[in-house]
Amino acid sequence: MGFNERVHAYIAAKYYTYLVETFGERGRLAFVHGTQYYAAQRGRRMAQRAIRDGAPLTQASYNYYGEWVNTEESRAEGIANQSEKTPEGYTKITRCPWHTQFVEMGCPEAGAEYCRHLDASISRGFNPYLGYVVDQTLHEADCCIHRLTSGPISEGSERGKNPAGLKSFEYHCAHSFWAYHEVTAAIFQSEGEKVNQKVLEDFARDYGREMADILWSYWDVNFNVCD
């Protein structure tokens, strides 16, 4: 197995579990902050690529400059994202590999917190004036509902995503790990470093030392800027 959506969700679920177990409500707030921190960095990279290309920071550009598409593994497993447009211009998501992984790990609370904040924070990193809202998630309802306060959320989505901006799930998993790692250490200092170590140890146990070493090898990458 390589890096994919499930691995990406695994990292977030482990951080949520250990942060809440260790620090209670402060741990939950740290997880939310870490998720927002990670997501906003993604959005800023997307905005930087758009600006470099002379594209406006509209919802159409947001959709075009997204950094990932579903992996072949999730498609083969039948858990790749499935969504539809509503008459109101919202996006209704009925299937998601992140949701699948959170549920199978027995971490629906982690999934609810993660999905409640992730996409809205990516959008704020890209352009805080678009007004991205997540009304509900699969962890608490039969579908996710994503919408904009400024117009249709699917604007320009038929164009697909810019291949030049797509990043591997190795990159995305390493970014997620280091965003939570940085926030956890900053807030909780030495006790936070113990949480970071537990997450890495669990990752090595479940995915192998080689993949854990790959995560660690990204320690000096600046995730705030595009390449």
Protein backbone atom coordinates (compact mmCIF):
# COMPACT_ATOMS: atom_id res chain seq x y z
CA MET A 1 0.00 0.00 0.00
CA GLY A 2 1.17 3.50 -0.79
CA PHE A 3 -0.02 6.92 0.31
CA ASN A 4 -3.69 7.60 -0.42
CA GLU A 5 -6.85 9.14 1.02
CA ARG A 6 -7.16 6.51 3.77
CA VAL A 7 -3.62 7.20 4.99
CA HIS A 8 -4.35 10.90 4.97
CA ALA A 9 -7.45 10.41 7.13
CA TYR A 10 -5.54 8.03 9.43
CA ILE A 11 -3.10 10.78 10.42
CA ALA A 12 -5.88 13.20 11.35
CA ALA A 13 -7.78 10.51 13.28
CA LYS A 14 -4.69 9.58 15.30
CA TYR A 15 -3.98 13.19 16.19
CA TYR A 16 -7.57 13.78 17.25
CA THR A 17 -7.58 10.64 19.40
CA TYR A 18 -4.33 11.34 21.23
CA LEU A 19 -4.93 15.06 21.62
CA VAL A 20 -8.37 14.58 23.15
CA GLU A 21 -7.28 11.63 25.31
CA THR A 22 -4.33 13.60 26.66
CA PHE A 23 -5.62 17.17 26.89
CA GLY A 24 -9.43 16.97 26.78
CA GLU A 25 -11.16 20.07 25.45
CA ARG A 26 -7.83 21.84 24.92
CA GLY A 27 -6.79 18.91 22.76
CA ARG A 28 -9.96 19.16 20.68
CA LEU A 29 -9.37 22.86 20.14
CA ALA A 30 -5.75 22.16 19.18
CA PHE A 31 -6.96 19.60 16.63
CA VAL A 32 -9.39 22.09 15.13
CA HIS A 33 -6.64 24.72 15.01
CA GLY A 34 -4.23 22.23 13.40
CA THR A 35 -6.83 21.30 10.77
CA GLN A 36 -7.47 24.95 9.96
CA TYR A 37 -3.73 25.65 9.85
CA TYR A 38 -3.10 22.76 7.46
CA ALA A 39 -6.05 23.64 5.23
CA ALA A 40 -5.26 27.34 5.00
CA GLN A 41 -1.73 26.50 3.85
CA ARG A 42 -3.22 24.41 1.03
CA GLY A 43 -5.51 27.25 0.04
CA ARG A 44 -2.65 29.74 -0.01
CA ARG A 45 -0.61 27.50 -2.32
CA MET A 46 -3.61 27.30 -4.66
CA ALA A 47 -3.97 31.09 -4.62
CA GLN A 48 -0.28 31.56 -5.37
CA ARG A 49 -0.55 29.35 -8.46
CA ALA A 50 -3.64 31.20 -9.62
CA ILE A 51 -2.01 34.60 -9.18
CA ARG A 52 1.12 33.40 -10.98
CA ASP A 53 -1.09 32.39 -13.93
CA GLY A 54 -2.99 35.69 -13.87
CA ALA A 55 -6.24 33.97 -12.83
CA PRO A 56 -8.75 35.71 -10.54
CA LEU A 57 -9.34 34.31 -7.07
CA THR A 58 -12.88 33.21 -7.87
CA GLN A 59 -14.68 29.98 -7.02
CA ALA A 60 -14.02 28.76 -10.56
CA SER A 61 -10.29 29.23 -9.97
CA TYR A 62 -10.56 27.57 -6.55
CA ASN A 63 -12.05 24.50 -8.20
CA TYR A 64 -9.45 24.51 -10.98
CA TYR A 65 -6.42 24.91 -8.73
CA GLY A 66 -7.33 22.15 -6.26
CA GLU A 67 -4.34 20.00 -5.41
CA TRP A 68 -5.73 16.45 -5.46
CA VAL A 69 -7.89 13.97 -7.31
CA ASN A 70 -9.06 10.59 -6.04
CA THR A 71 -6.44 7.85 -6.23
CA GLU A 72 -6.83 4.68 -8.27
CA GLU A 73 -6.91 2.75 -4.97
CA SER A 74 -10.02 4.55 -3.76
CA ARG A 75 -11.68 4.17 -7.15
CA ALA A 76 -10.94 0.44 -7.25
CA GLU A 77 -12.26 0.05 -3.71
CA GLY A 78 -15.47 1.88 -4.61
CA ILE A 79 -15.02 4.62 -2.00
CA ALA A 80 -13.93 7.53 -4.21
CA ASN A 81 -15.76 10.82 -3.76
CA GLN A 82 -19.25 10.94 -5.21
CA SER A 83 -21.14 14.22 -5.37
CA GLU A 84 -23.93 16.04 -7.14
CA LYS A 85 -25.09 19.61 -7.62
CA THR A 86 -28.31 20.70 -5.95
CA PRO A 87 -30.82 23.08 -7.58
CA GLU A 88 -29.66 25.74 -5.10
CA GLY A 89 -26.08 25.55 -6.39
CA TYR A 90 -24.74 23.59 -3.42
CA THR A 91 -22.59 20.45 -3.56
CA LYS A 92 -24.02 17.31 -2.00
CA ILE A 93 -21.41 14.64 -1.22
CA THR A 94 -22.74 11.13 -0.67
CA ARG A 95 -19.52 9.10 -0.62
CA CYS A 96 -16.01 9.93 0.58
CA PRO A 97 -12.90 7.86 1.36
CA TRP A 98 -12.07 10.06 4.35
CA HIS A 99 -15.48 9.30 5.83
CA THR A 100 -14.93 5.58 5.21
CA GLN A 101 -11.56 5.60 6.97
CA PHE A 102 -12.75 7.60 9.99
CA VAL A 103 -15.70 5.24 10.44
CA GLU A 104 -13.59 2.09 10.10
CA MET A 105 -11.17 3.44 12.70
CA GLY A 106 -14.07 4.06 15.07
CA CYS A 107 -13.40 7.80 15.04
CA PRO A 108 -16.60 9.50 13.80
CA GLU A 109 -16.04 12.42 16.17
CA ALA A 110 -12.63 13.03 14.62
CA GLY A 111 -14.17 12.89 11.15
CA ALA A 112 -16.92 15.32 12.08
CA GLU A 113 -14.44 17.87 13.45
CA TYR A 114 -12.08 17.42 10.51
CA CYS A 115 -14.71 17.72 7.79
CA ARG A 116 -16.53 20.57 9.50
CA HIS A 117 -13.45 22.77 9.25
CA LEU A 118 -11.26 21.49 6.40
CA ASP A 119 -12.79 22.74 3.16
CA ALA A 120 -13.99 26.04 4.59
CA SER A 121 -10.43 26.69 5.79
CA ILE A 122 -8.90 25.79 2.42
CA SER A 123 -11.26 28.30 0.86
CA ARG A 124 -10.35 30.99 3.40
CA GLY A 125 -6.67 30.41 2.64
CA PHE A 126 -7.41 30.80 -1.06
CA ASN A 127 -9.74 33.81 -0.76
CA PRO A 128 -11.50 34.57 2.54
CA TYR A 129 -14.25 36.51 0.75
CA LEU A 130 -15.76 33.56 -1.13
CA GLY A 131 -17.84 32.51 1.89
CA TYR A 132 -17.43 28.72 1.90
CA VAL A 133 -19.77 26.99 4.38
CA VAL A 134 -20.10 23.31 5.37
CA ASP A 135 -23.66 22.87 6.62
CA GLN A 136 -23.44 19.16 7.46
CA THR A 137 -21.12 16.16 7.06
CA LEU A 138 -21.51 12.45 6.38
CA HIS A 139 -20.47 11.79 9.95
CA GLU A 140 -23.72 13.29 11.22
CA ALA A 141 -26.12 13.07 8.25
CA ASP A 142 -26.73 11.13 5.04
CA CYS A 143 -24.56 13.50 3.02
CA CYS A 144 -22.24 16.48 3.23
CA ILE A 145 -23.59 19.84 2.11
CA HIS A 146 -21.06 22.44 0.94
CA ARG A 147 -22.18 25.87 -0.25
CA LEU A 148 -21.00 29.41 -0.89
CA THR A 149 -22.58 32.56 0.47
CA SER A 150 -21.40 34.36 -2.68
CA GLY A 151 -22.69 32.12 -5.49
CA PRO A 152 -22.74 28.55 -6.86
CA ILE A 153 -20.00 26.41 -5.36
CA SER A 154 -19.60 24.31 -8.51
CA GLU A 155 -18.71 27.29 -10.72
CA GLY A 156 -16.33 26.14 -13.45
CA SER A 157 -15.98 22.63 -12.01
CA GLU A 158 -16.71 21.02 -15.38
CA ARG A 159 -13.23 22.14 -16.44
CA GLY A 160 -11.63 19.73 -13.97
CA LYS A 161 -8.39 20.47 -12.12
CA ASN A 162 -5.13 21.92 -13.34
CA PRO A 163 -2.73 18.97 -13.71
CA ALA A 164 0.25 21.24 -12.98
CA GLY A 165 -1.04 21.93 -9.47
CA LEU A 166 -1.85 18.38 -8.39
CA LYS A 167 0.24 16.99 -5.55
CA SER A 168 0.81 13.35 -4.62
CA PHE A 169 -0.79 11.87 -1.53
CA GLU A 170 2.71 11.32 -0.20
CA TYR A 171 3.02 15.11 -0.17
CA HIS A 172 -0.45 15.64 1.30
CA CYS A 173 0.09 13.06 4.04
CA ALA A 174 3.44 14.56 4.97
CA HIS A 175 1.91 18.04 5.00
CA SER A 176 -0.90 16.87 7.29
CA PHE A 177 1.51 15.15 9.67
CA TRP A 178 3.82 18.15 9.93
CA ALA A 179 1.00 20.68 10.33
CA TYR A 180 -0.44 18.78 13.29
CA HIS A 181 3.08 18.06 14.57
CA GLU A 182 3.99 21.75 14.53
CA VAL A 183 0.77 22.90 16.21
CA THR A 184 0.85 20.14 18.83
CA ALA A 185 4.44 20.90 19.80
CA ALA A 186 3.82 24.65 19.88
CA ILE A 187 0.78 24.44 22.13
CA PHE A 188 1.70 21.60 24.47
CA GLN A 189 5.52 21.70 24.22
CA SER A 190 7.17 18.59 25.73
CA GLU A 191 3.82 16.89 26.36
CA GLY A 192 2.85 17.65 22.79
CA GLU A 193 6.04 16.06 21.52
CA LYS A 194 4.97 12.85 23.27
CA VAL A 195 1.76 12.91 21.26
CA ASN A 196 3.74 13.47 18.06
CA GLN A 197 5.88 10.46 18.89
CA LYS A 198 2.85 8.26 19.55
CA VAL A 199 1.30 9.18 16.21
CA LEU A 200 4.53 8.41 14.35
CA GLU A 201 4.98 5.11 16.20
CA ASP A 202 1.42 4.04 15.37
CA PHE A 203 1.94 5.05 11.75
CA ALA A 204 5.13 2.97 11.51
CA ARG A 205 3.36 0.00 13.08
CA ASP A 206 0.37 0.16 10.72
CA TYR A 207 2.03 1.29 7.48
CA GLY A 208 5.66 0.29 7.90
CA ARG A 209 8.89 2.03 8.81
CA GLU A 210 9.64 2.98 5.21
CA MET A 211 6.46 5.06 4.87
CA ALA A 212 7.04 6.58 8.32
CA ASP A 213 10.53 7.59 7.26
CA ILE A 214 9.09 9.22 4.15
CA LEU A 215 6.77 11.33 6.32
CA TRP A 216 9.73 12.35 8.48
CA SER A 217 11.82 13.26 5.43
CA TYR A 218 9.53 16.26 4.78
CA TRP A 219 10.60 17.96 8.03
CA ASP A 220 12.19 20.92 6.24
CA VAL A 221 9.57 21.52 3.53
CA ASN A 222 7.90 24.93 3.56
CA PHE A 223 4.24 24.05 3.03
CA ASN A 224 3.23 27.71 2.92
CA VAL A 225 4.47 28.24 -0.61
CA CYS A 226 3.80 26.63 -3.97
CA ASP A 227 6.51 25.16 -6.15
